[in-house]
Structures are given as C-alpha cells and as structure tokens.
N, C-alpha and C. Protein backbone atom coordinates (compact mmCIF):
# COMPACT_ATOMS: atom_id res chain seq x y z
N MET A 1 -16.79 -22.40 10.78
CA MET A 1 -16.17 -21.49 9.67
C MET A 1 -17.17 -20.33 9.53
N SER A 2 -16.81 -19.35 9.51
CA SER A 2 -17.65 -18.01 9.47
C SER A 2 -17.88 -17.55 8.35
N LYS A 3 -19.26 -17.12 7.88
CA LYS A 3 -19.36 -16.83 6.34
C LYS A 3 -18.93 -15.29 6.47
N LEU A 4 -18.19 -15.14 5.00
CA LEU A 4 -17.63 -13.55 4.83
C LEU A 4 -18.76 -12.80 4.43
N ARG A 5 -19.04 -11.45 4.81
CA ARG A 5 -19.98 -10.59 4.60
C ARG A 5 -19.36 -9.48 3.72
N PHE A 6 -20.08 -9.14 2.72
CA PHE A 6 -19.59 -7.80 1.91
C PHE A 6 -20.78 -6.88 1.74
N HIS A 7 -20.44 -5.77 1.30
CA HIS A 7 -21.27 -4.65 1.34
C HIS A 7 -22.03 -4.88 -0.05
N VAL A 8 -21.72 -5.61 -0.96
CA VAL A 8 -22.66 -5.95 -1.97
C VAL A 8 -23.09 -7.30 -2.09
N LYS A 9 -23.98 -7.59 -2.99
CA LYS A 9 -24.49 -8.79 -3.29
C LYS A 9 -25.07 -9.00 -4.54
N LYS A 10 -25.37 -10.13 -5.03
CA LYS A 10 -25.81 -10.22 -6.55
C LYS A 10 -27.13 -9.58 -6.73
N GLY A 11 -26.93 -9.00 -7.93
CA GLY A 11 -28.18 -8.10 -8.39
C GLY A 11 -28.19 -6.69 -8.08
N ASP A 12 -27.08 -6.32 -7.14
CA ASP A 12 -27.15 -5.08 -6.70
C ASP A 12 -26.44 -3.90 -7.63
N GLU A 13 -26.92 -2.90 -7.79
CA GLU A 13 -26.11 -2.11 -8.83
C GLU A 13 -25.00 -1.28 -8.27
N VAL A 14 -23.91 -1.30 -8.78
CA VAL A 14 -22.65 -0.56 -8.29
C VAL A 14 -22.09 0.02 -9.10
N LYS A 15 -20.87 0.89 -8.70
CA LYS A 15 -20.21 1.87 -9.36
C LYS A 15 -18.80 1.78 -9.03
N VAL A 16 -17.95 1.57 -9.85
CA VAL A 16 -16.38 1.37 -9.86
C VAL A 16 -15.87 2.62 -9.52
N ILE A 17 -15.02 2.73 -8.19
CA ILE A 17 -14.66 3.82 -7.66
C ILE A 17 -12.96 4.09 -7.78
N SER A 18 -12.28 3.05 -8.20
CA SER A 18 -10.91 3.16 -8.45
C SER A 18 -10.55 2.10 -9.46
N GLY A 19 -9.40 2.29 -10.01
CA GLY A 19 -8.90 1.33 -11.09
C GLY A 19 -8.91 1.67 -12.27
N ASN A 20 -8.89 0.67 -13.23
CA ASN A 20 -8.75 1.14 -14.79
C ASN A 20 -10.12 1.41 -15.16
N HIS A 21 -11.19 0.94 -14.60
CA HIS A 21 -12.55 0.97 -14.80
C HIS A 21 -13.32 1.94 -14.10
N GLN A 22 -12.48 2.79 -13.67
CA GLN A 22 -13.25 3.94 -12.57
C GLN A 22 -14.26 4.52 -13.31
N GLY A 23 -15.46 4.77 -12.68
CA GLY A 23 -16.75 5.43 -13.15
C GLY A 23 -17.64 4.57 -13.89
N ALA A 24 -17.27 3.44 -14.25
CA ALA A 24 -18.15 2.41 -14.84
C ALA A 24 -19.20 1.84 -13.93
N SER A 25 -20.40 1.62 -14.19
CA SER A 25 -21.45 0.95 -13.44
C SER A 25 -22.02 -0.04 -14.07
N GLY A 26 -22.68 -1.06 -13.29
CA GLY A 26 -23.48 -1.99 -13.69
C GLY A 26 -24.00 -3.01 -12.64
N LYS A 27 -24.70 -3.97 -13.00
CA LYS A 27 -25.20 -4.89 -12.07
C LYS A 27 -24.30 -6.02 -11.58
N VAL A 28 -24.22 -6.44 -10.50
CA VAL A 28 -23.36 -7.62 -9.89
C VAL A 28 -23.90 -8.71 -10.44
N LEU A 29 -23.08 -9.52 -11.14
CA LEU A 29 -23.55 -10.97 -11.68
C LEU A 29 -23.12 -11.85 -10.72
N ALA A 30 -21.96 -11.78 -10.13
CA ALA A 30 -21.63 -12.79 -9.06
C ALA A 30 -20.52 -12.19 -8.06
N VAL A 31 -20.57 -12.83 -6.97
CA VAL A 31 -19.72 -12.52 -5.82
C VAL A 31 -18.76 -13.69 -5.55
N LEU A 32 -17.53 -13.38 -5.47
CA LEU A 32 -16.39 -14.58 -5.38
C LEU A 32 -15.89 -14.43 -3.97
N PRO A 33 -16.46 -14.87 -3.01
CA PRO A 33 -16.18 -14.47 -1.72
C PRO A 33 -14.56 -15.05 -1.08
N LYS A 34 -14.08 -16.10 -1.80
CA LYS A 34 -12.81 -16.43 -1.47
C LYS A 34 -11.90 -15.73 -1.87
N LYS A 35 -12.04 -15.10 -2.95
CA LYS A 35 -10.86 -13.96 -3.61
C LYS A 35 -11.09 -12.56 -3.45
N GLY A 36 -12.66 -12.41 -3.02
CA GLY A 36 -12.82 -11.01 -2.43
C GLY A 36 -13.14 -10.18 -3.71
N GLN A 37 -13.71 -10.70 -4.88
CA GLN A 37 -13.85 -10.22 -6.08
C GLN A 37 -15.39 -10.14 -6.57
N VAL A 38 -15.67 -9.13 -7.37
CA VAL A 38 -17.20 -9.22 -8.02
C VAL A 38 -16.93 -9.39 -9.49
N LEU A 39 -17.92 -9.78 -10.08
CA LEU A 39 -18.28 -9.68 -11.62
C LEU A 39 -19.31 -8.83 -11.80
N ILE A 40 -18.93 -7.74 -12.67
CA ILE A 40 -20.06 -6.83 -12.95
C ILE A 40 -20.43 -6.77 -14.49
N GLU A 41 -21.70 -6.58 -14.65
CA GLU A 41 -22.29 -6.57 -16.04
C GLU A 41 -21.51 -5.63 -16.97
N GLY A 42 -21.03 -5.97 -18.05
CA GLY A 42 -20.36 -4.81 -18.81
C GLY A 42 -19.19 -3.91 -18.46
N VAL A 43 -18.52 -4.64 -17.48
CA VAL A 43 -17.31 -4.00 -16.86
C VAL A 43 -16.01 -5.03 -16.89
N ARG A 44 -15.06 -4.44 -17.32
CA ARG A 44 -13.80 -5.16 -17.44
C ARG A 44 -14.17 -6.50 -18.45
N LEU A 45 -14.54 -6.20 -19.70
CA LEU A 45 -14.58 -7.23 -20.41
C LEU A 45 -13.36 -7.95 -21.05
N ILE A 46 -13.14 -9.23 -20.95
CA ILE A 46 -11.84 -9.70 -21.43
C ILE A 46 -12.39 -10.76 -22.37
N LYS A 47 -11.53 -10.93 -23.24
CA LYS A 47 -11.50 -11.96 -24.54
C LYS A 47 -10.67 -13.39 -23.97
N LYS A 48 -11.55 -14.49 -24.24
CA LYS A 48 -11.00 -15.80 -23.67
C LYS A 48 -11.26 -16.73 -24.75
N THR A 49 -10.17 -17.34 -25.32
CA THR A 49 -10.12 -18.49 -26.31
C THR A 49 -10.88 -19.69 -25.63
N GLN A 50 -11.74 -20.41 -26.50
CA GLN A 50 -12.19 -21.36 -26.40
C GLN A 50 -11.82 -22.60 -27.16
N ARG A 51 -11.48 -23.74 -26.66
CA ARG A 51 -11.01 -25.07 -27.35
C ARG A 51 -12.14 -25.48 -28.39
N LYS A 52 -11.71 -26.17 -29.42
CA LYS A 52 -12.70 -26.83 -30.27
C LYS A 52 -13.60 -27.82 -29.31
N SER A 53 -14.91 -27.91 -29.69
CA SER A 53 -15.64 -29.10 -28.95
C SER A 53 -16.89 -29.19 -29.82
N GLN A 54 -17.89 -30.00 -29.36
CA GLN A 54 -19.07 -30.24 -29.99
C GLN A 54 -19.85 -29.04 -30.10
N ASP A 55 -19.98 -28.05 -29.09
CA ASP A 55 -20.66 -26.83 -29.24
C ASP A 55 -20.16 -25.89 -30.18
N SER A 56 -18.74 -25.79 -30.35
CA SER A 56 -17.91 -25.05 -31.27
C SER A 56 -17.09 -25.70 -31.83
N PRO A 57 -17.32 -26.09 -33.03
CA PRO A 57 -16.47 -27.20 -33.85
C PRO A 57 -15.03 -26.58 -34.28
N ASN A 58 -15.11 -25.16 -34.60
CA ASN A 58 -13.82 -24.48 -34.91
C ASN A 58 -13.18 -23.40 -33.79
N GLY A 59 -13.82 -23.98 -32.70
CA GLY A 59 -13.19 -22.96 -31.49
C GLY A 59 -13.85 -21.71 -31.55
N ALA A 60 -13.46 -20.66 -30.65
CA ALA A 60 -14.08 -19.34 -30.58
C ALA A 60 -13.20 -18.63 -29.57
N ILE A 61 -13.55 -17.25 -29.95
CA ILE A 61 -13.10 -16.30 -29.11
C ILE A 61 -14.26 -15.46 -28.43
N ILE A 62 -14.37 -15.97 -27.20
CA ILE A 62 -15.65 -15.35 -26.46
C ILE A 62 -15.23 -14.01 -25.47
N THR A 63 -16.06 -13.09 -25.29
CA THR A 63 -15.85 -11.93 -24.73
C THR A 63 -16.76 -12.23 -23.30
N ARG A 64 -16.25 -12.06 -22.15
CA ARG A 64 -16.84 -12.32 -20.83
C ARG A 64 -16.30 -11.17 -19.76
N GLU A 65 -16.99 -11.11 -18.67
CA GLU A 65 -16.66 -10.00 -17.66
C GLU A 65 -15.55 -10.73 -16.94
N GLY A 66 -14.54 -9.80 -16.56
CA GLY A 66 -13.28 -10.44 -15.69
C GLY A 66 -13.70 -9.86 -14.21
N PRO A 67 -13.03 -10.34 -13.32
CA PRO A 67 -13.43 -10.03 -11.85
C PRO A 67 -12.69 -8.56 -11.31
N ILE A 68 -13.34 -8.06 -10.47
CA ILE A 68 -12.84 -6.56 -9.88
C ILE A 68 -12.77 -6.80 -8.55
N HIS A 69 -11.68 -6.27 -7.70
CA HIS A 69 -11.72 -6.35 -6.26
C HIS A 69 -12.78 -5.57 -5.53
N ILE A 70 -13.60 -6.40 -4.60
CA ILE A 70 -14.82 -5.82 -4.14
C ILE A 70 -14.53 -4.35 -3.21
N SER A 71 -13.30 -4.04 -3.02
CA SER A 71 -13.06 -2.68 -2.47
C SER A 71 -13.03 -1.77 -3.38
N ASN A 72 -12.97 -2.06 -4.75
CA ASN A 72 -13.08 -1.10 -5.61
C ASN A 72 -14.44 -0.80 -6.23
N VAL A 73 -15.43 -1.21 -5.67
CA VAL A 73 -16.87 -0.96 -5.96
C VAL A 73 -17.66 -0.39 -4.77
N LYS A 74 -18.66 0.57 -5.09
CA LYS A 74 -19.48 0.91 -4.20
C LYS A 74 -20.93 0.62 -4.47
N LEU A 75 -21.77 0.78 -3.61
CA LEU A 75 -23.16 0.48 -3.86
C LEU A 75 -23.84 1.63 -4.30
N VAL A 76 -24.79 1.59 -5.51
CA VAL A 76 -25.39 2.82 -5.90
C VAL A 76 -26.83 2.64 -5.32
N GLU A 77 -27.24 3.87 -4.60
CA GLU A 77 -28.64 3.66 -3.97
C GLU A 77 -29.64 4.03 -4.98
N SER A 78 -30.03 3.01 -5.45
CA SER A 78 -31.30 3.01 -6.59
C SER A 78 -32.52 3.03 -6.11
N ARG A 79 -32.53 2.50 -4.83
CA ARG A 79 -34.23 2.24 -4.22
C ARG A 79 -34.59 3.58 -3.69
N VAL A 80 -36.05 3.68 -4.18
CA VAL A 80 -36.62 4.90 -3.77
C VAL A 80 -37.27 4.62 -2.34
N ALA A 81 -36.91 5.84 -1.69
CA ALA A 81 -37.34 5.80 -0.26
C ALA A 81 -38.92 5.74 -0.15
N LYS A 82 -39.52 4.83 0.77
CA LYS A 82 -40.70 4.73 1.08
C LYS A 82 -41.49 5.89 1.79
N PRO A 83 -42.68 6.55 1.65
CA PRO A 83 -43.13 7.72 2.18
C PRO A 83 -43.31 7.30 3.68
N ALA A 84 -43.15 8.08 4.52
CA ALA A 84 -43.26 8.06 6.14
C ALA A 84 -44.70 7.73 6.34
N LYS A 85 -45.03 6.97 7.32
CA LYS A 85 -46.71 6.54 7.54
C LYS A 85 -47.08 7.99 8.55
N LYS A 86 -48.29 8.41 7.81
CA LYS A 86 -48.72 9.50 8.62
C LYS A 86 -49.62 9.10 9.93
N SER A 87 -49.33 9.82 10.77
CA SER A 87 -49.80 9.66 12.24
C SER A 87 -51.01 10.36 12.21
N ARG A 88 -52.03 9.49 12.88
CA ARG A 88 -53.34 10.19 13.11
C ARG A 88 -53.29 10.89 14.25
N GLY A 89 -53.62 12.21 13.97
CA GLY A 89 -53.80 13.09 15.06
C GLY A 89 -54.85 12.70 15.80
N GLY A 90 -54.46 12.63 17.09
CA GLY A 90 -55.83 12.29 17.92
C GLY A 90 -55.63 12.29 19.31
C-alpha cells in the first residue's frame, strides 16, 4: 500500500484559495489523507453539541475547526531564504 503524498503537512502555514472561506489563512492542525482534507487553525469553525458526561455534566456546545479539501489550500512561503555561500576568490 503506497503512502499518499500532499503539498502540505502538519504545521505548515497555508491560505485558502477557493470556497466559502477564500482568503483565510492559518496553520495546518491535521491532514486527513484518506479523505484528502485538512484542518486549519481558525478557519471553518463549526459548532458541535456535546452530550452530558462527567467532564461536562450539563452538556455543551463546542466550537472546533471543520475540514477543508486539500485542493482548496496553497502553501504560504514563510521561510526566509538562506544567504548564498560566498565563494573564496582564489
């Protein structure tokens, strides 16, 4: 079974280039390779109801990031290029 490869990985800075959240940017929190989707910090926030449990005795409505298709994001080049090595004239 071959491993799927994508143009982004966890921790990369990306920008959404199409869809409802076009223009938004953030850090990749997770890549979902089987679905071809990514979770981006602060983008496509959805509200999810949580059932009653010991942690939340009254239940709760939590806000979390929803997935976006990986083809709708592009990598933002935030790395500073290293200076070229000086050649010793000689």
